Amino acid sequence: MSAALTDIFRHPIKSLGREALETVSLSPGSRLPYDRLWGVAHARARIDAPGWAHCANFLQCAREPALMAVTACLDERGRSVELTHPKARGFALTPDAVDDFSDFGAWLAEIWPENLPVPTGIHSFSGGLTDNKNPWISIHNHASHRAVEGRAGRDLSIHRWRGNLWINGLGPWQEFEWIGKEIEIGPARLRITDRIDRCKATHANPQTGVRDIDMTRVLSHWNHQDFGVFAEVVQGGTVRPGDQVVAPA
């Protein structure tokens, strides 16, 4: 079975929703376009200047699992985002033009608990507010996910990992063997840089927003807490599900 790209996901607002894509154009040295472009800061944030800031300055799924159940739809032309959640009304906003945060703050209050720092505003960074400061894209392996499901003894949503690109047709954990090497996905070429260390965000069910498994404990069966790899785009190109993946032998 040859390896192929199966899914593309982006997360326009950090920790607030996911969106499936039918195609995406990758550029050298850049993150997935519009992925984590915005983040919602809170009352304890320390953001001293425009640009990338540490994840602790923003609302995080690791702090509040209910955020995992948010879905998003981005209108690129208007740069507006529509958010939905199973326990909250739908909400649409244009993050670059939020002069009065009160409406969005009221929506967030439906899923963000009172005992955590109050959301205060929206921060943006053109390079993306991923947890890693480097302009990398995350790549995930369906076979590794199935191995985790087998160890957990239950079906698990791939959205727990909040990844960008998903590949099928590999062996379990084969992606870890690619560190320092290059792969091809359709016309694009990417250099695999690092494994992705995981946290409590993965404990939450993306359908319900409730923690229902200790995922880091499950991963410890393999003597690590990693899932997926980071990759740097070396050669750009437009990729889509179904593209062949050429990996190191």
C-alpha atoms as a PDB file:
ATOM      1  CA  MET A   1       0.000   0.000   0.000  1.00  0.00           C
ATOM      2  CA  SER A   2       1.509   3.331  -1.039  1.00  0.00           C
ATOM      3  CA  ALA A   3       1.409   6.278   1.350  1.00  0.00           C
ATOM      4  CA  ALA A   4      -0.936   9.154   0.594  1.00  0.00           C
ATOM      5  CA  LEU A   5      -2.199  12.368   2.127  1.00  0.00           C
ATOM      6  CA  THR A   6      -5.741  11.844   3.445  1.00  0.00           C
ATOM      7  CA  ASP A   7      -6.679  15.009   5.358  1.00  0.00           C
ATOM      8  CA  ILE A   8      -5.739  18.672   5.744  1.00  0.00           C
ATOM      9  CA  PHE A   9      -6.818  20.702   8.777  1.00  0.00           C
ATOM     10  CA  ARG A  10      -6.264  24.233   9.959  1.00  0.00           C
ATOM     11  CA  HIS A  11      -7.192  25.981  13.206  1.00  0.00           C
ATOM     12  CA  PRO A  12      -7.727  29.703  12.465  1.00  0.00           C
ATOM     13  CA  ILE A  13      -8.032  30.778  16.120  1.00  0.00           C
ATOM     14  CA  LYS A  14      -5.644  29.020  18.482  1.00  0.00           C
ATOM     15  CA  SER A  15      -7.496  26.388  20.592  1.00  0.00           C
ATOM     16  CA  LEU A  16     -10.845  27.519  19.158  1.00  0.00           C
ATOM     17  CA  GLY A  17     -11.962  25.241  16.386  1.00  0.00           C
ATOM     18  CA  ARG A  18     -10.755  23.146  13.509  1.00  0.00           C
ATOM     19  CA  GLU A  19     -11.578  23.185   9.819  1.00  0.00           C
ATOM     20  CA  ALA A  20     -11.029  20.594   7.083  1.00  0.00           C
ATOM     21  CA  LEU A  21      -9.584  21.773   3.753  1.00  0.00           C
ATOM     22  CA  GLU A  22      -9.833  20.288   0.270  1.00  0.00           C
ATOM     23  CA  THR A  23      -6.557  21.873  -0.844  1.00  0.00           C
ATOM     24  CA  VAL A  24      -3.816  24.112   0.508  1.00  0.00           C
ATOM     25  CA  SER A  25      -0.819  25.938  -0.950  1.00  0.00           C
ATOM     26  CA  LEU A  26       2.367  25.447   1.046  1.00  0.00           C
ATOM     27  CA  SER A  27       5.218  27.970   0.903  1.00  0.00           C
ATOM     28  CA  PRO A  28       8.872  27.444   1.841  1.00  0.00           C
ATOM     29  CA  GLY A  29       9.639  28.422   5.414  1.00  0.00           C
ATOM     30  CA  SER A  30       5.998  29.106   6.263  1.00  0.00           C
ATOM     31  CA  ARG A  31       3.296  27.512   8.381  1.00  0.00           C
ATOM     32  CA  LEU A  32       0.033  26.238   6.958  1.00  0.00           C
ATOM     33  CA  PRO A  33      -1.806  29.386   5.786  1.00  0.00           C
ATOM     34  CA  TYR A  34      -4.246  30.809   8.371  1.00  0.00           C
ATOM     35  CA  ASP A  35      -3.359  28.131  10.912  1.00  0.00           C
ATOM     36  CA  ARG A  36      -3.393  29.631  14.443  1.00  0.00           C
ATOM     37  CA  LEU A  37      -3.311  33.083  12.884  1.00  0.00           C
ATOM     38  CA  TRP A  38      -5.152  34.478  15.913  1.00  0.00           C
ATOM     39  CA  GLY A  39      -5.143  33.690  19.611  1.00  0.00           C
ATOM     40  CA  VAL A  40      -7.371  34.854  22.469  1.00  0.00           C
ATOM     41  CA  ALA A  41      -5.316  36.409  25.256  1.00  0.00           C
ATOM     42  CA  HIS A  42      -6.399  36.320  28.897  1.00  0.00           C
ATOM     43  CA  ALA A  43      -6.034  38.562  31.936  1.00  0.00           C
ATOM     44  CA  ARG A  44      -2.685  37.066  32.983  1.00  0.00           C
ATOM     45  CA  ALA A  45      -1.107  37.289  29.519  1.00  0.00           C
ATOM     46  CA  ARG A  46       2.259  38.987  29.128  1.00  0.00           C
ATOM     47  CA  ILE A  47       2.478  39.980  25.480  1.00  0.00           C
ATOM     48  CA  ASP A  48       5.030  42.782  25.311  1.00  0.00           C
ATOM     49  CA  ALA A  49       5.283  43.277  21.548  1.00  0.00           C
ATOM     50  CA  PRO A  50       3.591  42.191  18.317  1.00  0.00           C
ATOM     51  CA  GLY A  51       4.682  38.776  17.124  1.00  0.00           C
ATOM     52  CA  TRP A  52       4.830  35.223  18.397  1.00  0.00           C
ATOM     53  CA  ALA A  53       4.044  34.684  22.072  1.00  0.00           C
ATOM     54  CA  HIS A  54       4.126  31.610  24.314  1.00  0.00           C
ATOM     55  CA  CYS A  55       0.987  29.453  24.430  1.00  0.00           C
ATOM     56  CA  ALA A  56       0.508  30.219  28.144  1.00  0.00           C
ATOM     57  CA  ASN A  57      -0.645  33.716  27.130  1.00  0.00           C
ATOM     58  CA  PHE A  58      -3.724  32.373  25.331  1.00  0.00           C
ATOM     59  CA  LEU A  59      -6.782  30.250  25.965  1.00  0.00           C
ATOM     60  CA  GLN A  60      -5.648  26.615  25.807  1.00  0.00           C
ATOM     61  CA  CYS A  61      -7.433  23.294  25.436  1.00  0.00           C
ATOM     62  CA  ALA A  62      -5.041  21.945  28.060  1.00  0.00           C
ATOM     63  CA  ARG A  63      -6.526  24.422  30.562  1.00  0.00           C
ATOM     64  CA  GLU A  64     -10.186  23.982  29.565  1.00  0.00           C
ATOM     65  CA  PRO A  65     -11.211  20.803  27.677  1.00  0.00           C
ATOM     66  CA  ALA A  66     -14.515  22.318  26.491  1.00  0.00           C
ATOM     67  CA  LEU A  67     -12.540  24.278  23.878  1.00  0.00           C
ATOM     68  CA  MET A  68     -11.744  21.013  22.087  1.00  0.00           C
ATOM     69  CA  ALA A  69     -15.338  20.734  20.870  1.00  0.00           C
ATOM     70  CA  VAL A  70     -15.285  24.039  18.967  1.00  0.00           C
ATOM     71  CA  THR A  71     -15.390  23.879  15.166  1.00  0.00           C
ATOM     72  CA  ALA A  72     -14.507  26.751  12.853  1.00  0.00           C
ATOM     73  CA  CYS A  73     -15.172  27.987   9.349  1.00  0.00           C
ATOM     74  CA  LEU A  74     -12.941  30.726   7.940  1.00  0.00           C
ATOM     75  CA  ASP A  75     -13.919  33.047   5.102  1.00  0.00           C
ATOM     76  CA  GLU A  76     -10.492  33.947   3.746  1.00  0.00           C
ATOM     77  CA  ARG A  77     -11.724  36.868   1.658  1.00  0.00           C
ATOM     78  CA  GLY A  78     -13.410  38.610   4.574  1.00  0.00           C
ATOM     79  CA  ARG A  79     -11.065  37.080   7.170  1.00  0.00           C
ATOM     80  CA  SER A  80     -14.107  36.245   9.266  1.00  0.00           C
ATOM     81  CA  VAL A  81     -14.561  33.114  11.367  1.00  0.00           C
ATOM     82  CA  GLU A  82     -17.746  31.288  12.328  1.00  0.00           C
ATOM     83  CA  LEU A  83     -17.488  29.209  15.500  1.00  0.00           C
ATOM     84  CA  THR A  84     -19.788  26.464  16.723  1.00  0.00           C
ATOM     85  CA  HIS A  85     -19.906  24.403  19.919  1.00  0.00           C
ATOM     86  CA  PRO A  86     -22.375  21.700  21.053  1.00  0.00           C
ATOM     87  CA  LYS A  87     -23.180  23.635  24.241  1.00  0.00           C
ATOM     88  CA  ALA A  88     -23.127  27.207  22.921  1.00  0.00           C
ATOM     89  CA  ARG A  89     -24.844  29.249  20.260  1.00  0.00           C
ATOM     90  CA  GLY A  90     -23.027  29.842  16.990  1.00  0.00           C
ATOM     91  CA  PHE A  91     -20.880  32.954  16.804  1.00  0.00           C
ATOM     92  CA  ALA A  92     -19.269  34.831  13.910  1.00  0.00           C
ATOM     93  CA  LEU A  93     -16.510  37.417  14.192  1.00  0.00           C
ATOM     94  CA  THR A  94     -13.850  39.201  12.194  1.00  0.00           C
ATOM     95  CA  PRO A  95     -10.807  38.879  14.475  1.00  0.00           C
ATOM     96  CA  ASP A  96      -8.910  41.793  12.908  1.00  0.00           C
ATOM     97  CA  ALA A  97     -11.827  44.140  13.532  1.00  0.00           C
ATOM     98  CA  VAL A  98     -12.973  43.361  17.064  1.00  0.00           C
ATOM     99  CA  ASP A  99     -13.152  46.837  18.625  1.00  0.00           C
ATOM    100  CA  ASP A 100     -15.567  45.766  21.359  1.00  0.00           C
ATOM    101  CA  PHE A 101     -14.585  42.413  22.846  1.00  0.00           C
ATOM    102  CA  SER A 102     -17.692  42.170  25.047  1.00  0.00           C
ATOM    103  CA  ASP A 103     -19.842  40.169  22.580  1.00  0.00           C
ATOM    104  CA  PHE A 104     -17.126  37.628  21.904  1.00  0.00           C
ATOM    105  CA  GLY A 105     -16.261  37.557  25.584  1.00  0.00           C
ATOM    106  CA  ALA A 106     -19.880  36.749  26.424  1.00  0.00           C
ATOM    107  CA  TRP A 107     -19.835  33.855  23.947  1.00  0.00           C
ATOM    108  CA  LEU A 108     -16.592  32.524  25.385  1.00  0.00           C
ATOM    109  CA  ALA A 109     -18.082  32.712  28.888  1.00  0.00           C
ATOM    110  CA  GLU A 110     -20.506  29.963  27.832  1.00  0.00           C
ATOM    111  CA  ILE A 111     -17.589  27.495  27.598  1.00  0.00           C
ATOM    112  CA  TRP A 112     -14.678  29.140  29.478  1.00  0.00           C
ATOM    113  CA  PRO A 113     -14.971  28.694  33.269  1.00  0.00           C
ATOM    114  CA  GLU A 114     -15.065  31.588  35.723  1.00  0.00           C
ATOM    115  CA  ASN A 115     -12.178  30.221  37.796  1.00  0.00           C
ATOM    116  CA  LEU A 116      -9.692  30.710  34.939  1.00  0.00           C
ATOM    117  CA  PRO A 117      -8.243  34.073  33.813  1.00  0.00           C
ATOM    118  CA  VAL A 118     -10.844  36.108  31.913  1.00  0.00           C
ATOM    119  CA  PRO A 119     -10.411  36.356  28.111  1.00  0.00           C
ATOM    120  CA  THR A 120      -9.413  39.929  27.262  1.00  0.00           C
ATOM    121  CA  GLY A 121      -8.727  40.276  23.553  1.00  0.00           C
ATOM    122  CA  ILE A 122      -7.494  38.829  20.270  1.00  0.00           C
ATOM    123  CA  HIS A 123      -3.827  38.749  19.327  1.00  0.00           C
ATOM    124  CA  SER A 124      -2.517  37.978  15.847  1.00  0.00           C
ATOM    125  CA  PHE A 125       0.779  37.011  14.275  1.00  0.00           C
ATOM    126  CA  SER A 126       1.182  36.595  10.531  1.00  0.00           C
ATOM    127  CA  GLY A 127       3.468  33.597  11.035  1.00  0.00           C
ATOM    128  CA  GLY A 128       0.954  31.751  13.229  1.00  0.00           C
ATOM    129  CA  LEU A 129       0.648  31.295  16.993  1.00  0.00           C
ATOM    130  CA  THR A 130       1.478  27.610  17.169  1.00  0.00           C
ATOM    131  CA  ASP A 131       3.039  26.251  20.363  1.00  0.00           C
ATOM    132  CA  ASN A 132       6.373  26.059  18.548  1.00  0.00           C
ATOM    133  CA  LYS A 133       8.018  29.342  17.586  1.00  0.00           C
ATOM    134  CA  ASN A 134       9.428  27.872  14.375  1.00  0.00           C
ATOM    135  CA  PRO A 135       7.348  28.139  11.167  1.00  0.00           C
ATOM    136  CA  TRP A 136       6.601  24.424  10.972  1.00  0.00           C
ATOM    137  CA  ILE A 137       3.657  22.249   9.929  1.00  0.00           C
ATOM    138  CA  SER A 138       2.499  19.172  11.840  1.00  0.00           C
ATOM    139  CA  ILE A 139       2.266  15.775  10.125  1.00  0.00           C
ATOM    140  CA  HIS A 140       0.415  12.779  11.565  1.00  0.00           C
ATOM    141  CA  ASN A 141       0.271   9.070  10.760  1.00  0.00           C
ATOM    142  CA  HIS A 142      -3.031   7.151  10.768  1.00  0.00           C
ATOM    143  CA  ALA A 143      -1.203   3.905  11.610  1.00  0.00           C
ATOM    144  CA  SER A 144       0.234   5.472  14.766  1.00  0.00           C
ATOM    145  CA  HIS A 145      -3.236   6.678  15.683  1.00  0.00           C
ATOM    146  CA  ARG A 146      -4.614   3.166  15.205  1.00  0.00           C
ATOM    147  CA  ALA A 147      -1.844   1.859  17.465  1.00  0.00           C
ATOM    148  CA  VAL A 148      -2.949   4.311  20.150  1.00  0.00           C
ATOM    149  CA  GLU A 149      -6.568   3.219  19.689  1.00  0.00           C
ATOM    150  CA  GLY A 150      -5.497  -0.400  20.089  1.00  0.00           C
ATOM    151  CA  ARG A 151      -3.662   0.355  23.294  1.00  0.00           C
ATOM    152  CA  ALA A 152      -6.588   2.417  24.611  1.00  0.00           C
ATOM    153  CA  GLY A 153      -9.086  -0.287  23.613  1.00  0.00           C
ATOM    154  CA  ARG A 154     -11.470   2.155  21.954  1.00  0.00           C
ATOM    155  CA  ASP A 155     -12.051   4.355  18.932  1.00  0.00           C
ATOM    156  CA  LEU A 156     -10.522   7.826  19.241  1.00  0.00           C
ATOM    157  CA  SER A 157     -11.023  10.924  17.112  1.00  0.00           C
ATOM    158  CA  ILE A 158      -7.982  12.115  15.173  1.00  0.00           C
ATOM    159  CA  HIS A 159      -8.993  15.654  16.166  1.00  0.00           C
ATOM    160  CA  ARG A 160      -7.523  15.056  19.622  1.00  0.00           C
ATOM    161  CA  TRP A 161      -4.135  15.734  18.029  1.00  0.00           C
ATOM    162  CA  ARG A 162      -5.144  19.027  16.311  1.00  0.00           C
ATOM    163  CA  GLY A 163      -2.834  18.227  13.388  1.00  0.00           C
ATOM    164  CA  ASN A 164      -2.390  19.780   9.951  1.00  0.00           C
ATOM    165  CA  LEU A 165      -1.595  16.918   7.552  1.00  0.00           C
ATOM    166  CA  TRP A 166      -2.584  13.250   7.908  1.00  0.00           C
ATOM    167  CA  ILE A 167      -0.931  10.382   6.029  1.00  0.00           C
ATOM    168  CA  ASN A 168      -2.133   6.797   5.497  1.00  0.00           C
ATOM    169  CA  GLY A 169      -0.163   3.802   4.238  1.00  0.00           C
ATOM    170  CA  LEU A 170       2.739   3.890   6.716  1.00  0.00           C
ATOM    171  CA  GLY A 171       3.765   1.614   9.547  1.00  0.00           C
ATOM    172  CA  PRO A 172       3.077   2.652  13.153  1.00  0.00           C
ATOM    173  CA  TRP A 173       5.525   5.339  14.344  1.00  0.00           C
ATOM    174  CA  GLN A 174       7.352   5.257  11.007  1.00  0.00           C
ATOM    175  CA  GLU A 175       7.229   9.069  10.959  1.00  0.00           C
ATOM    176  CA  PHE A 176       9.684   9.175  13.883  1.00  0.00           C
ATOM    177  CA  GLU A 177      12.305   7.588  11.615  1.00  0.00           C
ATOM    178  CA  TRP A 178      12.139  10.613   9.305  1.00  0.00           C
ATOM    179  CA  ILE A 179      13.708  13.153  11.672  1.00  0.00           C
ATOM    180  CA  GLY A 180      16.320  15.126   9.732  1.00  0.00           C
ATOM    181  CA  LYS A 181      15.133  13.705   6.401  1.00  0.00           C
ATOM    182  CA  GLU A 182      12.888  15.022   3.613  1.00  0.00           C
ATOM    183  CA  ILE A 183       9.586  13.717   2.271  1.00  0.00           C
ATOM    184  CA  GLU A 184       7.505  14.677  -0.740  1.00  0.00           C
ATOM    185  CA  ILE A 185       3.760  15.289  -0.624  1.00  0.00           C
ATOM    186  CA  GLY A 186       2.499  15.892  -4.137  1.00  0.00           C
ATOM    187  CA  PRO A 187       4.637  18.739  -5.540  1.00  0.00           C
ATOM    188  CA  ALA A 188       5.801  19.906  -2.092  1.00  0.00           C
ATOM    189  CA  ARG A 189       8.906  18.799  -0.227  1.00  0.00           C
ATOM    190  CA  LEU A 190       9.206  18.986   3.561  1.00  0.00           C
ATOM    191  CA  ARG A 191      12.056  18.349   5.990  1.00  0.00           C
ATOM    192  CA  ILE A 192      11.033  16.510   9.162  1.00  0.00           C
ATOM    193  CA  THR A 193      12.437  18.367  12.152  1.00  0.00           C
ATOM    194  CA  ASP A 194      11.116  17.081  15.496  1.00  0.00           C
ATOM    195  CA  ARG A 195       8.654  14.827  17.277  1.00  0.00           C
ATOM    196  CA  ILE A 196       5.666  16.555  18.909  1.00  0.00           C
ATOM    197  CA  ASP A 197       5.433  16.269  22.679  1.00  0.00           C
ATOM    198  CA  ARG A 198       1.843  15.940  23.928  1.00  0.00           C
ATOM    199  CA  CYS A 199      -0.067  17.406  26.878  1.00  0.00           C
ATOM    200  CA  LYS A 200      -3.459  17.218  28.618  1.00  0.00           C
ATOM    201  CA  ALA A 201      -5.250  18.776  25.619  1.00  0.00           C
ATOM    202  CA  THR A 202      -5.349  15.292  24.073  1.00  0.00           C
ATOM    203  CA  HIS A 203      -7.278  13.948  27.084  1.00  0.00           C
ATOM    204  CA  ALA A 204     -10.458  15.697  25.887  1.00  0.00           C
ATOM    205  CA  ASN A 205     -13.052  14.247  23.532  1.00  0.00           C
ATOM    206  CA  PRO A 206     -13.408  16.632  20.534  1.00  0.00           C
ATOM    207  CA  GLN A 207     -17.109  15.791  20.209  1.00  0.00           C
ATOM    208  CA  THR A 208     -18.027  16.568  23.825  1.00  0.00           C
ATOM    209  CA  GLY A 209     -15.226  18.727  25.193  1.00  0.00           C
ATOM    210  CA  VAL A 210     -14.939  16.409  28.215  1.00  0.00           C
ATOM    211  CA  ARG A 211     -11.758  14.670  29.369  1.00  0.00           C
ATOM    212  CA  ASP A 212     -12.359  10.948  29.016  1.00  0.00           C
ATOM    213  CA  ILE A 213      -8.908   9.378  28.705  1.00  0.00           C
ATOM    214  CA  ASP A 214      -5.384   9.905  30.042  1.00  0.00           C
ATOM    215  CA  MET A 215      -3.703  10.070  26.652  1.00  0.00           C
ATOM    216  CA  THR A 216      -0.237  10.823  27.972  1.00  0.00           C
ATOM    217  CA  ARG A 217      -0.443   7.651  30.043  1.00  0.00           C
ATOM    218  CA  VAL A 218      -1.465   5.667  26.954  1.00  0.00           C
ATOM    219  CA  LEU A 219       1.520   7.064  25.047  1.00  0.00           C
ATOM    220  CA  SER A 220       3.851   6.143  27.890  1.00  0.00           C
ATOM    221  CA  HIS A 221       3.381   2.498  26.828  1.00  0.00           C
ATOM    222  CA  TRP A 222       5.913   3.347  24.090  1.00  0.00           C
ATOM    223  CA  ASN A 223       8.200   5.123  26.591  1.00  0.00           C
ATOM    224  CA  HIS A 224       7.401   8.583  25.251  1.00  0.00           C
ATOM    225  CA  GLN A 225       4.610  11.149  25.179  1.00  0.00           C
ATOM    226  CA  ASP A 226       4.962  12.066  21.507  1.00  0.00           C
ATOM    227  CA  PHE A 227       2.551  11.950  18.618  1.00  0.00           C
ATOM    228  CA  GLY A 228       3.180  13.350  15.146  1.00  0.00           C
ATOM    229  CA  VAL A 229       6.154  15.273  13.778  1.00  0.00           C
ATOM    230  CA  PHE A 230       6.935  18.837  12.823  1.00  0.00           C
ATOM    231  CA  ALA A 231       8.072  19.620   9.284  1.00  0.00           C
ATOM    232  CA  GLU A 232       9.591  22.612   7.519  1.00  0.00           C
ATOM    233  CA  VAL A 233       8.411  23.315   3.979  1.00  0.00           C
ATOM    234  CA  VAL A 234      11.499  23.236   1.757  1.00  0.00           C
ATOM    235  CA  GLN A 235       9.757  23.331  -1.614  1.00  0.00           C
ATOM    236  CA  GLY A 236       6.267  24.768  -1.901  1.00  0.00           C
ATOM    237  CA  GLY A 237       3.296  23.584  -3.870  1.00  0.00           C
ATOM    238  CA  THR A 238      -0.438  23.003  -3.725  1.00  0.00           C
ATOM    239  CA  VAL A 239      -1.359  19.745  -2.008  1.00  0.00           C
ATOM    240  CA  ARG A 240      -4.671  17.949  -1.612  1.00  0.00           C
ATOM    241  CA  PRO A 241      -5.998  14.667  -0.159  1.00  0.00           C
ATOM    242  CA  GLY A 242      -5.010  11.802  -2.411  1.00  0.00           C
ATOM    243  CA  ASP A 243      -1.529  13.151  -3.192  1.00  0.00           C
ATOM    244  CA  GLN A 244       1.187  10.525  -3.049  1.00  0.00           C
ATOM    245  CA  VAL A 245       3.681  10.716  -0.206  1.00  0.00           C
ATOM    246  CA  VAL A 246       7.261   9.743  -1.022  1.00  0.00           C
ATOM    247  CA  ALA A 247       9.188   9.023   2.165  1.00  0.00           C
ATOM    248  CA  PRO A 248      12.771   7.958   2.931  1.00  0.00           C
ATOM    249  CA  ALA A 249      13.405   4.227   2.515  1.00  0.00           C
END
